Amino acid sequence: MSLPKRWRSLDRSTVGRAPERWGVYELGDDDGTVLDVDAGVLRDELKTALAYADADQVRWEACQSREHAERLADEHRERAGLS
């Protein structure tokens, strides 16, 4: 199961709109296949992904705490078969 959010292009504009708070995010290819699931401070994580990841799209969900974000990332990683 994926995050219940729509895909956005992984570009500077999208990264600039990401909140500076903890969250879980998915990186995907052009076809919408989930390549990676992780947690962290969203804007910082997506800046790194933009620079280094081989992904075309991203979607995220902001969380209330680090623990919540990491728990959701583990759940989504497992469901996506990435664990």
N, C-alpha and C. Protein backbone atom coordinates (compact mmCIF):
# COMPACT_ATOMS: atom_id res chain seq x y z
N MET A 1 0.84 -1.18 0.00
CA MET A 1 0.00 0.00 0.00
C MET A 1 0.89 1.24 0.00
N SER A 2 0.54 2.19 -0.79
CA SER A 2 1.30 3.42 -0.91
C SER A 2 0.67 4.53 -0.09
N LEU A 3 1.38 5.62 -0.01
CA LEU A 3 0.82 6.79 0.66
C LEU A 3 -0.41 7.26 -0.11
N PRO A 4 -1.44 7.69 0.59
CA PRO A 4 -2.67 8.12 -0.09
C PRO A 4 -2.57 9.56 -0.60
N LYS A 5 -1.49 9.86 -1.29
CA LYS A 5 -1.26 11.20 -1.84
C LYS A 5 -0.94 11.06 -3.32
N ARG A 6 -1.13 12.12 -4.06
CA ARG A 6 -0.81 12.07 -5.48
C ARG A 6 0.69 12.30 -5.67
N TRP A 7 1.22 11.76 -6.74
CA TRP A 7 2.63 11.96 -7.08
C TRP A 7 2.85 13.40 -7.51
N ARG A 8 4.02 13.93 -7.19
CA ARG A 8 4.47 15.25 -7.66
C ARG A 8 5.82 15.06 -8.31
N SER A 9 6.13 15.89 -9.29
CA SER A 9 7.45 15.83 -9.90
C SER A 9 8.51 16.16 -8.86
N LEU A 10 9.59 15.40 -8.88
CA LEU A 10 10.70 15.69 -7.96
C LEU A 10 11.56 16.76 -8.62
N ASP A 11 11.24 18.02 -8.31
CA ASP A 11 11.98 19.15 -8.86
C ASP A 11 12.13 20.22 -7.78
N ARG A 12 12.85 21.27 -8.11
CA ARG A 12 13.14 22.33 -7.12
C ARG A 12 11.87 22.97 -6.58
N SER A 13 10.88 23.16 -7.44
CA SER A 13 9.64 23.79 -7.02
C SER A 13 8.91 22.93 -5.97
N THR A 14 8.84 21.64 -6.23
CA THR A 14 8.19 20.72 -5.29
C THR A 14 8.95 20.67 -3.97
N VAL A 15 10.25 20.58 -4.04
CA VAL A 15 11.07 20.55 -2.82
C VAL A 15 10.86 21.83 -2.01
N GLY A 16 10.76 22.96 -2.69
CA GLY A 16 10.54 24.23 -2.00
C GLY A 16 9.20 24.31 -1.29
N ARG A 17 8.22 23.53 -1.75
CA ARG A 17 6.90 23.52 -1.11
C ARG A 17 6.78 22.50 0.01
N ALA A 18 7.77 21.64 0.14
CA ALA A 18 7.73 20.62 1.20
C ALA A 18 7.86 21.29 2.57
N PRO A 19 7.12 20.82 3.54
CA PRO A 19 7.20 21.42 4.87
C PRO A 19 8.51 21.07 5.57
N GLU A 20 8.93 21.95 6.45
CA GLU A 20 10.12 21.70 7.27
C GLU A 20 9.68 21.04 8.57
N ARG A 21 9.19 19.83 8.42
CA ARG A 21 8.76 19.05 9.58
C ARG A 21 8.93 17.58 9.26
N TRP A 22 8.87 16.77 10.30
CA TRP A 22 9.04 15.33 10.13
C TRP A 22 7.92 14.76 9.28
N GLY A 23 8.28 13.77 8.48
CA GLY A 23 7.28 13.11 7.66
C GLY A 23 7.85 11.86 7.02
N VAL A 24 6.99 11.16 6.32
CA VAL A 24 7.37 9.97 5.55
C VAL A 24 7.19 10.32 4.08
N TYR A 25 8.10 9.83 3.23
CA TYR A 25 7.99 10.13 1.81
C TYR A 25 8.32 8.90 0.98
N GLU A 26 7.76 8.89 -0.22
CA GLU A 26 8.04 7.84 -1.20
C GLU A 26 8.64 8.49 -2.44
N LEU A 27 9.65 7.85 -2.99
CA LEU A 27 10.23 8.26 -4.26
C LEU A 27 9.78 7.25 -5.31
N GLY A 28 9.44 7.74 -6.50
CA GLY A 28 8.97 6.85 -7.54
C GLY A 28 9.54 7.18 -8.90
N ASP A 29 9.39 6.23 -9.81
CA ASP A 29 9.83 6.47 -11.19
C ASP A 29 8.66 7.06 -11.99
N ASP A 30 8.88 7.26 -13.29
CA ASP A 30 7.85 7.85 -14.15
C ASP A 30 6.57 7.04 -14.20
N ASP A 31 6.68 5.73 -14.00
CA ASP A 31 5.50 4.86 -14.05
C ASP A 31 4.75 4.78 -12.73
N GLY A 32 5.28 5.43 -11.68
CA GLY A 32 4.62 5.39 -10.38
C GLY A 32 5.04 4.21 -9.53
N THR A 33 6.10 3.52 -9.92
CA THR A 33 6.62 2.43 -9.11
C THR A 33 7.41 3.02 -7.95
N VAL A 34 7.11 2.56 -6.74
CA VAL A 34 7.80 3.06 -5.56
C VAL A 34 9.22 2.50 -5.55
N LEU A 35 10.20 3.41 -5.50
CA LEU A 35 11.61 3.03 -5.48
C LEU A 35 12.19 3.04 -4.09
N ASP A 36 11.69 3.94 -3.24
CA ASP A 36 12.24 4.08 -1.90
C ASP A 36 11.19 4.71 -1.00
N VAL A 37 11.24 4.36 0.28
CA VAL A 37 10.39 4.94 1.30
C VAL A 37 11.30 5.29 2.46
N ASP A 38 11.17 6.51 2.98
CA ASP A 38 12.01 6.90 4.10
C ASP A 38 11.30 7.97 4.92
N ALA A 39 11.93 8.33 6.02
CA ALA A 39 11.39 9.36 6.92
C ALA A 39 12.48 10.35 7.26
N GLY A 40 12.06 11.55 7.59
CA GLY A 40 13.01 12.59 8.00
C GLY A 40 12.33 13.94 7.93
N VAL A 41 13.11 14.98 8.11
CA VAL A 41 12.59 16.34 7.93
C VAL A 41 12.41 16.50 6.42
N LEU A 42 11.18 16.65 6.00
CA LEU A 42 10.83 16.51 4.59
C LEU A 42 11.66 17.39 3.65
N ARG A 43 11.73 18.67 3.89
CA ARG A 43 12.44 19.53 2.95
C ARG A 43 13.91 19.13 2.83
N ASP A 44 14.54 18.82 3.96
CA ASP A 44 15.95 18.40 3.93
C ASP A 44 16.12 17.09 3.17
N GLU A 45 15.26 16.13 3.44
CA GLU A 45 15.34 14.84 2.78
C GLU A 45 15.12 14.96 1.28
N LEU A 46 14.17 15.79 0.88
CA LEU A 46 13.87 15.92 -0.54
C LEU A 46 14.95 16.70 -1.28
N LYS A 47 15.62 17.62 -0.62
CA LYS A 47 16.77 18.29 -1.23
C LYS A 47 17.84 17.26 -1.57
N THR A 48 18.10 16.36 -0.64
CA THR A 48 19.08 15.30 -0.87
C THR A 48 18.62 14.37 -1.98
N ALA A 49 17.35 14.00 -1.98
CA ALA A 49 16.82 13.12 -3.01
C ALA A 49 16.93 13.76 -4.39
N LEU A 50 16.64 15.05 -4.47
CA LEU A 50 16.73 15.76 -5.74
C LEU A 50 18.16 15.72 -6.28
N ALA A 51 19.12 15.87 -5.39
CA ALA A 51 20.52 15.91 -5.80
C ALA A 51 21.08 14.53 -6.14
N TYR A 52 20.66 13.49 -5.40
CA TYR A 52 21.34 12.19 -5.50
C TYR A 52 20.48 11.00 -5.91
N ALA A 53 19.19 11.08 -5.74
CA ALA A 53 18.35 9.90 -6.00
C ALA A 53 18.02 9.79 -7.49
N ASP A 54 17.76 8.58 -7.90
CA ASP A 54 17.36 8.31 -9.27
C ASP A 54 15.85 8.14 -9.31
N ALA A 55 15.15 9.21 -8.96
CA ALA A 55 13.69 9.18 -8.90
C ALA A 55 13.13 10.36 -9.69
N ASP A 56 11.91 10.19 -10.19
CA ASP A 56 11.26 11.23 -10.97
C ASP A 56 10.11 11.90 -10.22
N GLN A 57 9.55 11.18 -9.24
CA GLN A 57 8.38 11.67 -8.53
C GLN A 57 8.52 11.46 -7.03
N VAL A 58 7.71 12.21 -6.30
CA VAL A 58 7.71 12.09 -4.84
C VAL A 58 6.30 12.34 -4.32
N ARG A 59 6.02 11.75 -3.18
CA ARG A 59 4.81 12.08 -2.42
C ARG A 59 5.17 11.91 -0.95
N TRP A 60 4.48 12.67 -0.11
CA TRP A 60 4.82 12.64 1.31
C TRP A 60 3.60 12.86 2.18
N GLU A 61 3.80 12.55 3.45
CA GLU A 61 2.79 12.82 4.47
C GLU A 61 3.52 13.37 5.69
N ALA A 62 3.15 14.56 6.13
CA ALA A 62 3.76 15.17 7.31
C ALA A 62 3.26 14.44 8.55
N CYS A 63 4.11 14.37 9.57
CA CYS A 63 3.80 13.65 10.80
C CYS A 63 4.01 14.57 12.00
N GLN A 64 3.53 14.13 13.14
CA GLN A 64 3.62 14.92 14.36
C GLN A 64 4.96 14.77 15.07
N SER A 65 5.67 13.66 14.81
CA SER A 65 6.92 13.43 15.52
C SER A 65 7.84 12.53 14.69
N ARG A 66 9.08 12.47 15.10
CA ARG A 66 10.06 11.59 14.46
C ARG A 66 9.61 10.13 14.57
N GLU A 67 9.19 9.75 15.75
CA GLU A 67 8.78 8.37 15.98
C GLU A 67 7.62 7.97 15.08
N HIS A 68 6.64 8.84 14.96
CA HIS A 68 5.49 8.58 14.10
C HIS A 68 5.94 8.42 12.65
N ALA A 69 6.80 9.31 12.17
CA ALA A 69 7.30 9.25 10.79
C ALA A 69 8.06 7.96 10.54
N GLU A 70 8.91 7.57 11.47
CA GLU A 70 9.71 6.36 11.29
C GLU A 70 8.83 5.11 11.31
N ARG A 71 7.82 5.10 12.15
CA ARG A 71 6.91 3.96 12.21
C ARG A 71 6.13 3.83 10.90
N LEU A 72 5.62 4.95 10.39
CA LEU A 72 4.90 4.91 9.12
C LEU A 72 5.81 4.50 7.97
N ALA A 73 7.05 4.98 7.97
CA ALA A 73 7.99 4.60 6.92
C ALA A 73 8.24 3.10 6.94
N ASP A 74 8.41 2.54 8.13
CA ASP A 74 8.61 1.09 8.24
C ASP A 74 7.41 0.33 7.68
N GLU A 75 6.20 0.78 8.02
CA GLU A 75 4.99 0.13 7.53
C GLU A 75 4.88 0.21 6.01
N HIS A 76 5.12 1.39 5.45
CA HIS A 76 4.99 1.57 4.01
C HIS A 76 6.11 0.85 3.26
N ARG A 77 7.30 0.81 3.82
CA ARG A 77 8.43 0.10 3.21
C ARG A 77 8.10 -1.40 3.12
N GLU A 78 7.54 -1.93 4.20
CA GLU A 78 7.17 -3.34 4.23
C GLU A 78 6.09 -3.65 3.20
N ARG A 79 5.08 -2.80 3.14
CA ARG A 79 3.96 -3.01 2.19
C ARG A 79 4.44 -2.90 0.74
N ALA A 80 5.45 -2.05 0.50
CA ALA A 80 5.96 -1.87 -0.85
C ALA A 80 6.98 -2.94 -1.22
N GLY A 81 7.29 -3.82 -0.26
CA GLY A 81 8.26 -4.88 -0.51
C GLY A 81 9.69 -4.39 -0.55
N LEU A 82 9.98 -3.33 0.18
CA LEU A 82 11.30 -2.72 0.17
C LEU A 82 12.08 -2.98 1.46
N SER A 83 11.53 -3.76 2.37
CA SER A 83 12.22 -3.97 3.65
C SER A 83 13.24 -5.06 3.58
